[in-house]
Each structure stands twice: as structure tokens, then as C-alpha cells.
Amino acid sequence: IETRLSDGLAKLEPGEGDTLVIAGM
């Protein structure tokens, strides 16, 4: 598990994940 300080998806590159979870907002 990697952690990243990120505003939304700003610090993520396309293709780095298969499932995106956004919850609690």
C-alpha cells in the first residue's frame, strides 16, 4: 500500500489502478 498526498486524482497517473473508490464526501 502506497500513500500519496493528493487533491483528488492529481497525483495519480492513468493506468495506475483498476478500481477507484471515492467515499465520504
PDB file of all heavy atoms in Angstrom:
ATOM      1  N   ILE A   1       0.853  -1.192   0.000  1.00  0.00           N
ATOM      2  CA  ILE A   1       0.000   0.000   0.000  1.00  0.00           C
ATOM      3  C   ILE A   1       0.886   1.239   0.000  1.00  0.00           C
ATOM      4  O   ILE A   1       1.689   1.457   0.907  1.00  0.00           O
ATOM      5  CB  ILE A   1      -0.933   0.044   1.230  1.00  0.00           C
ATOM      6  CG1 ILE A   1      -1.771  -1.233   1.321  1.00  0.00           C
ATOM      7  CG2 ILE A   1      -1.850   1.272   1.149  1.00  0.00           C
ATOM      8  CD1 ILE A   1      -2.600  -1.333   2.596  1.00  0.00           C
ATOM      9  N   GLU A   2       0.717   2.048  -1.035  1.00  0.00           N
ATOM     10  CA  GLU A   2       1.448   3.308  -1.156  1.00  0.00           C
ATOM     11  C   GLU A   2       0.522   4.454  -0.753  1.00  0.00           C
ATOM     12  O   GLU A   2      -0.666   4.429  -1.049  1.00  0.00           O
ATOM     13  CB  GLU A   2       1.902   3.489  -2.602  1.00  0.00           C
ATOM     14  CG  GLU A   2       2.704   4.758  -2.848  1.00  0.00           C
ATOM     15  CD  GLU A   2       3.086   4.927  -4.310  1.00  0.00           C
ATOM     16  OE1 GLU A   2       2.931   3.962  -5.080  1.00  0.00           O
ATOM     17  OE2 GLU A   2       3.525   6.040  -4.667  1.00  0.00           O
ATOM     18  N   THR A   3       1.066   5.454  -0.086  1.00  0.00           N
ATOM     19  CA  THR A   3       0.277   6.635   0.270  1.00  0.00           C
ATOM     20  C   THR A   3       0.770   7.842  -0.520  1.00  0.00           C
ATOM     21  O   THR A   3       1.969   7.981  -0.791  1.00  0.00           O
ATOM     22  CB  THR A   3       0.365   6.943   1.779  1.00  0.00           C
ATOM     23  OG1 THR A   3       1.735   7.175   2.141  1.00  0.00           O
ATOM     24  CG2 THR A   3      -0.218   5.817   2.607  1.00  0.00           C
ATOM     25  N   ARG A   4      -0.182   8.708  -0.883  1.00  0.00           N
ATOM     26  CA  ARG A   4       0.164   9.929  -1.625  1.00  0.00           C
ATOM     27  C   ARG A   4      -0.691  11.095  -1.129  1.00  0.00           C
ATOM     28  O   ARG A   4      -1.910  10.955  -0.999  1.00  0.00           O
ATOM     29  CB  ARG A   4      -0.070   9.747  -3.125  1.00  0.00           C
ATOM     30  CG  ARG A   4       0.851   8.725  -3.767  1.00  0.00           C
ATOM     31  CD  ARG A   4       0.603   8.614  -5.267  1.00  0.00           C
ATOM     32  NE  ARG A   4       1.307   7.468  -5.823  1.00  0.00           N
ATOM     33  CZ  ARG A   4       1.210   7.078  -7.091  1.00  0.00           C
ATOM     34  NH1 ARG A   4       0.419   7.745  -7.929  1.00  0.00           N
ATOM     35  NH2 ARG A   4       1.878   6.017  -7.516  1.00  0.00           N
ATOM     36  N   LEU A   5      -0.044  12.216  -0.885  1.00  0.00           N
ATOM     37  CA  LEU A   5      -0.758  13.451  -0.580  1.00  0.00           C
ATOM     38  C   LEU A   5      -1.255  14.020  -1.901  1.00  0.00           C
ATOM     39  O   LEU A   5      -0.464  14.387  -2.771  1.00  0.00           O
ATOM     40  CB  LEU A   5       0.183  14.438   0.113  1.00  0.00           C
ATOM     41  CG  LEU A   5      -0.445  15.727   0.639  1.00  0.00           C
ATOM     42  CD1 LEU A   5      -1.427  15.436   1.768  1.00  0.00           C
ATOM     43  CD2 LEU A   5       0.641  16.689   1.122  1.00  0.00           C
ATOM     44  N   SER A   6      -2.562  14.045  -2.073  1.00  0.00           N
ATOM     45  CA  SER A   6      -3.109  14.388  -3.385  1.00  0.00           C
ATOM     46  C   SER A   6      -4.467  15.053  -3.256  1.00  0.00           C
ATOM     47  O   SER A   6      -5.313  14.619  -2.473  1.00  0.00           O
ATOM     48  CB  SER A   6      -3.229  13.120  -4.244  1.00  0.00           C
ATOM     49  OG  SER A   6      -3.813  13.403  -5.506  1.00  0.00           O
ATOM     50  N   ASP A   7      -4.680  16.083  -4.039  1.00  0.00           N
ATOM     51  CA  ASP A   7      -6.002  16.692  -4.175  1.00  0.00           C
ATOM     52  C   ASP A   7      -6.736  15.906  -5.247  1.00  0.00           C
ATOM     53  O   ASP A   7      -6.475  16.065  -6.438  1.00  0.00           O
ATOM     54  CB  ASP A   7      -5.874  18.167  -4.567  1.00  0.00           C
ATOM     55  CG  ASP A   7      -7.235  18.857  -4.667  1.00  0.00           C
ATOM     56  OD1 ASP A   7      -8.263  18.191  -4.417  1.00  0.00           O
ATOM     57  OD2 ASP A   7      -7.263  20.043  -5.016  1.00  0.00           O
ATOM     58  N   GLY A   8      -7.624  15.037  -4.818  1.00  0.00           N
ATOM     59  CA  GLY A   8      -8.334  14.189  -5.778  1.00  0.00           C
ATOM     60  C   GLY A   8      -7.383  13.247  -6.497  1.00  0.00           C
ATOM     61  O   GLY A   8      -6.561  12.560  -5.884  1.00  0.00           O
ATOM     62  N   LEU A   9      -7.454  13.273  -7.829  1.00  0.00           N
ATOM     63  CA  LEU A   9      -6.645  12.371  -8.656  1.00  0.00           C
ATOM     64  C   LEU A   9      -5.361  13.025  -9.170  1.00  0.00           C
ATOM     65  O   LEU A   9      -4.688  12.471 -10.039  1.00  0.00           O
ATOM     66  CB  LEU A   9      -7.485  11.894  -9.856  1.00  0.00           C
ATOM     67  CG  LEU A   9      -8.724  11.060  -9.495  1.00  0.00           C
ATOM     68  CD1 LEU A   9      -9.634  10.914 -10.710  1.00  0.00           C
ATOM     69  CD2 LEU A   9      -8.328   9.691  -8.968  1.00  0.00           C
ATOM     70  N   ALA A  10      -5.013  14.191  -8.619  1.00  0.00           N
ATOM     71  CA  ALA A  10      -3.903  14.975  -9.157  1.00  0.00           C
ATOM     72  C   ALA A  10      -2.570  14.230  -9.158  1.00  0.00           C
ATOM     73  O   ALA A  10      -1.754  14.411 -10.070  1.00  0.00           O
ATOM     74  CB  ALA A  10      -3.766  16.279  -8.371  1.00  0.00           C
ATOM     75  N   LYS A  11      -2.327  13.394  -8.171  1.00  0.00           N
ATOM     76  CA  LYS A  11      -1.038  12.693  -8.064  1.00  0.00           C
ATOM     77  C   LYS A  11      -1.099  11.256  -8.565  1.00  0.00           C
ATOM     78  O   LYS A  11      -0.228  10.439  -8.246  1.00  0.00           O
ATOM     79  CB  LYS A  11      -0.568  12.704  -6.610  1.00  0.00           C
ATOM     80  CG  LYS A  11      -0.329  14.094  -6.040  1.00  0.00           C
ATOM     81  CD  LYS A  11       0.731  14.857  -6.825  1.00  0.00           C
ATOM     82  CE  LYS A  11       0.967  16.233  -6.211  1.00  0.00           C
ATOM     83  NZ  LYS A  11       1.963  17.005  -6.992  1.00  0.00           N
ATOM     84  N   LEU A  12      -2.100  10.959  -9.365  1.00  0.00           N
ATOM     85  CA  LEU A  12      -2.246   9.609  -9.916  1.00  0.00           C
ATOM     86  C   LEU A  12      -2.081   9.672 -11.429  1.00  0.00           C
ATOM     87  O   LEU A  12      -2.581  10.598 -12.083  1.00  0.00           O
ATOM     88  CB  LEU A  12      -3.620   9.054  -9.560  1.00  0.00           C
ATOM     89  CG  LEU A  12      -3.837   7.537  -9.679  1.00  0.00           C
ATOM     90  CD1 LEU A  12      -2.983   6.793  -8.652  1.00  0.00           C
ATOM     91  CD2 LEU A  12      -5.306   7.197  -9.482  1.00  0.00           C
ATOM     92  N   GLU A  13      -1.410   8.690 -11.976  1.00  0.00           N
ATOM     93  CA  GLU A  13      -1.220   8.616 -13.432  1.00  0.00           C
ATOM     94  C   GLU A  13      -2.247   7.654 -14.031  1.00  0.00           C
ATOM     95  O   GLU A  13      -2.676   6.698 -13.375  1.00  0.00           O
ATOM     96  CB  GLU A  13       0.192   8.129 -13.766  1.00  0.00           C
ATOM     97  CG  GLU A  13       1.299   9.082 -13.345  1.00  0.00           C
ATOM     98  CD  GLU A  13       1.233  10.403 -14.083  1.00  0.00           C
ATOM     99  OE1 GLU A  13       0.869  10.397 -15.285  1.00  0.00           O
ATOM    100  OE2 GLU A  13       1.528  11.442 -13.454  1.00  0.00           O
ATOM    101  N   PRO A  14      -2.631   7.883 -15.289  1.00  0.00           N
ATOM    102  CA  PRO A  14      -3.567   6.955 -15.948  1.00  0.00           C
ATOM    103  C   PRO A  14      -3.018   5.529 -15.950  1.00  0.00           C
ATOM    104  O   PRO A  14      -1.835   5.309 -16.207  1.00  0.00           O
ATOM    105  CB  PRO A  14      -3.654   7.504 -17.380  1.00  0.00           C
ATOM    106  CG  PRO A  14      -3.309   8.959 -17.256  1.00  0.00           C
ATOM    107  CD  PRO A  14      -2.279   9.022 -16.166  1.00  0.00           C
ATOM    108  N   GLY A  15      -3.873   4.577 -15.614  1.00  0.00           N
ATOM    109  CA  GLY A  15      -3.485   3.171 -15.651  1.00  0.00           C
ATOM    110  C   GLY A  15      -2.864   2.651 -14.375  1.00  0.00           C
ATOM    111  O   GLY A  15      -2.486   1.472 -14.309  1.00  0.00           O
ATOM    112  N   GLU A  16      -2.758   3.485 -13.330  1.00  0.00           N
ATOM    113  CA  GLU A  16      -2.138   3.016 -12.086  1.00  0.00           C
ATOM    114  C   GLU A  16      -3.091   2.199 -11.215  1.00  0.00           C
ATOM    115  O   GLU A  16      -2.665   1.623 -10.218  1.00  0.00           O
ATOM    116  CB  GLU A  16      -1.609   4.204 -11.276  1.00  0.00           C
ATOM    117  CG  GLU A  16      -0.308   4.766 -11.797  1.00  0.00           C
ATOM    118  CD  GLU A  16       0.373   5.669 -10.780  1.00  0.00           C
ATOM    119  OE1 GLU A  16      -0.106   6.800 -10.566  1.00  0.00           O
ATOM    120  OE2 GLU A  16       1.379   5.233 -10.186  1.00  0.00           O
ATOM    121  N   GLY A  17      -4.358   2.175 -11.563  1.00  0.00           N
ATOM    122  CA  GLY A  17      -5.310   1.401 -10.784  1.00  0.00           C
ATOM    123  C   GLY A  17      -6.429   0.868 -11.643  1.00  0.00           C
ATOM    124  O   GLY A  17      -6.653   1.335 -12.768  1.00  0.00           O
ATOM    125  N   ASP A  18      -7.134  -0.135 -11.117  1.00  0.00           N
ATOM    126  CA  ASP A  18      -8.275  -0.733 -11.822  1.00  0.00           C
ATOM    127  C   ASP A  18      -9.606  -0.307 -11.202  1.00  0.00           C
ATOM    128  O   ASP A  18     -10.598  -0.130 -11.909  1.00  0.00           O
ATOM    129  CB  ASP A  18      -8.164  -2.259 -11.792  1.00  0.00           C
ATOM    130  CG  ASP A  18      -6.830  -2.756 -12.308  1.00  0.00           C
ATOM    131  OD1 ASP A  18      -6.472  -2.386 -13.441  1.00  0.00           O
ATOM    132  OD2 ASP A  18      -6.143  -3.495 -11.573  1.00  0.00           O
ATOM    133  N   THR A  19      -9.620  -0.177  -9.878  1.00  0.00           N
ATOM    134  CA  THR A  19     -10.822   0.229  -9.154  1.00  0.00           C
ATOM    135  C   THR A  19     -10.549   1.546  -8.445  1.00  0.00           C
ATOM    136  O   THR A  19      -9.583   1.653  -7.680  1.00  0.00           O
ATOM    137  CB  THR A  19     -11.228  -0.823  -8.109  1.00  0.00           C
ATOM    138  OG1 THR A  19     -11.549  -2.047  -8.761  1.00  0.00           O
ATOM    139  CG2 THR A  19     -12.444  -0.355  -7.312  1.00  0.00           C
ATOM    140  N   LEU A  20     -11.405   2.532  -8.694  1.00  0.00           N
ATOM    141  CA  LEU A  20     -11.299   3.813  -7.999  1.00  0.00           C
ATOM    142  C   LEU A  20     -12.417   3.906  -6.970  1.00  0.00           C
ATOM    143  O   LEU A  20     -13.594   3.731  -7.301  1.00  0.00           O
ATOM    144  CB  LEU A  20     -11.428   4.970  -8.998  1.00  0.00           C
ATOM    145  CG  LEU A  20     -11.511   6.382  -8.389  1.00  0.00           C
ATOM    146  CD1 LEU A  20     -10.226   6.723  -7.648  1.00  0.00           C
ATOM    147  CD2 LEU A  20     -11.804   7.418  -9.471  1.00  0.00           C
ATOM    148  N   VAL A  21     -12.043   4.159  -5.726  1.00  0.00           N
ATOM    149  CA  VAL A  21     -13.023   4.364  -4.663  1.00  0.00           C
ATOM    150  C   VAL A  21     -12.954   5.815  -4.202  1.00  0.00           C
ATOM    151  O   VAL A  21     -11.872   6.335  -3.914  1.00  0.00           O
ATOM    152  CB  VAL A  21     -12.755   3.433  -3.458  1.00  0.00           C
ATOM    153  CG1 VAL A  21     -13.672   3.804  -2.291  1.00  0.00           C
ATOM    154  CG2 VAL A  21     -12.970   1.977  -3.843  1.00  0.00           C
ATOM    155  N   ILE A  22     -14.115   6.461  -4.177  1.00  0.00           N
ATOM    156  CA  ILE A  22     -14.230   7.799  -3.573  1.00  0.00           C
ATOM    157  C   ILE A  22     -15.438   7.753  -2.652  1.00  0.00           C
ATOM    158  O   ILE A  22     -16.554   7.498  -3.107  1.00  0.00           O
ATOM    159  CB  ILE A  22     -14.415   8.912  -4.625  1.00  0.00           C
ATOM    160  CG1 ILE A  22     -13.396   8.796  -5.770  1.00  0.00           C
ATOM    161  CG2 ILE A  22     -14.292  10.281  -3.954  1.00  0.00           C
ATOM    162  CD1 ILE A  22     -13.567   9.855  -6.851  1.00  0.00           C
ATOM    163  N   ALA A  23     -15.220   7.986  -1.394  1.00  0.00           N
ATOM    164  CA  ALA A  23     -16.303   7.867  -0.419  1.00  0.00           C
ATOM    165  C   ALA A  23     -16.184   8.955   0.641  1.00  0.00           C
ATOM    166  O   ALA A  23     -15.124   9.557   0.833  1.00  0.00           O
ATOM    167  CB  ALA A  23     -16.266   6.490   0.248  1.00  0.00           C
ATOM    168  N   GLY A  24     -17.316   9.200   1.302  1.00  0.00           N
ATOM    169  CA  GLY A  24     -17.294  10.081   2.458  1.00  0.00           C
ATOM    170  C   GLY A  24     -17.195  11.553   2.158  1.00  0.00           C
ATOM    171  O   GLY A  24     -16.657  12.314   2.968  1.00  0.00           O
ATOM    172  N   MET A  25     -17.706  11.979   0.997  1.00  0.00           N
ATOM    173  CA  MET A  25     -17.701  13.407   0.688  1.00  0.00           C
ATOM    174  C   MET A  25     -18.950  13.761  -0.115  1.00  0.00           C
ATOM    175  O   MET A  25     -19.663  12.888  -0.602  1.00  0.00           O
ATOM    176  CB  MET A  25     -16.432  13.804  -0.071  1.00  0.00           C
ATOM    177  CG  MET A  25     -16.213  13.092  -1.383  1.00  0.00           C
ATOM    178  SD  MET A  25     -14.594  13.443  -2.121  1.00  0.00           S
ATOM    179  CE  MET A  25     -13.494  12.415  -1.115  1.00  0.00           C
TER     180      MET A  25
END
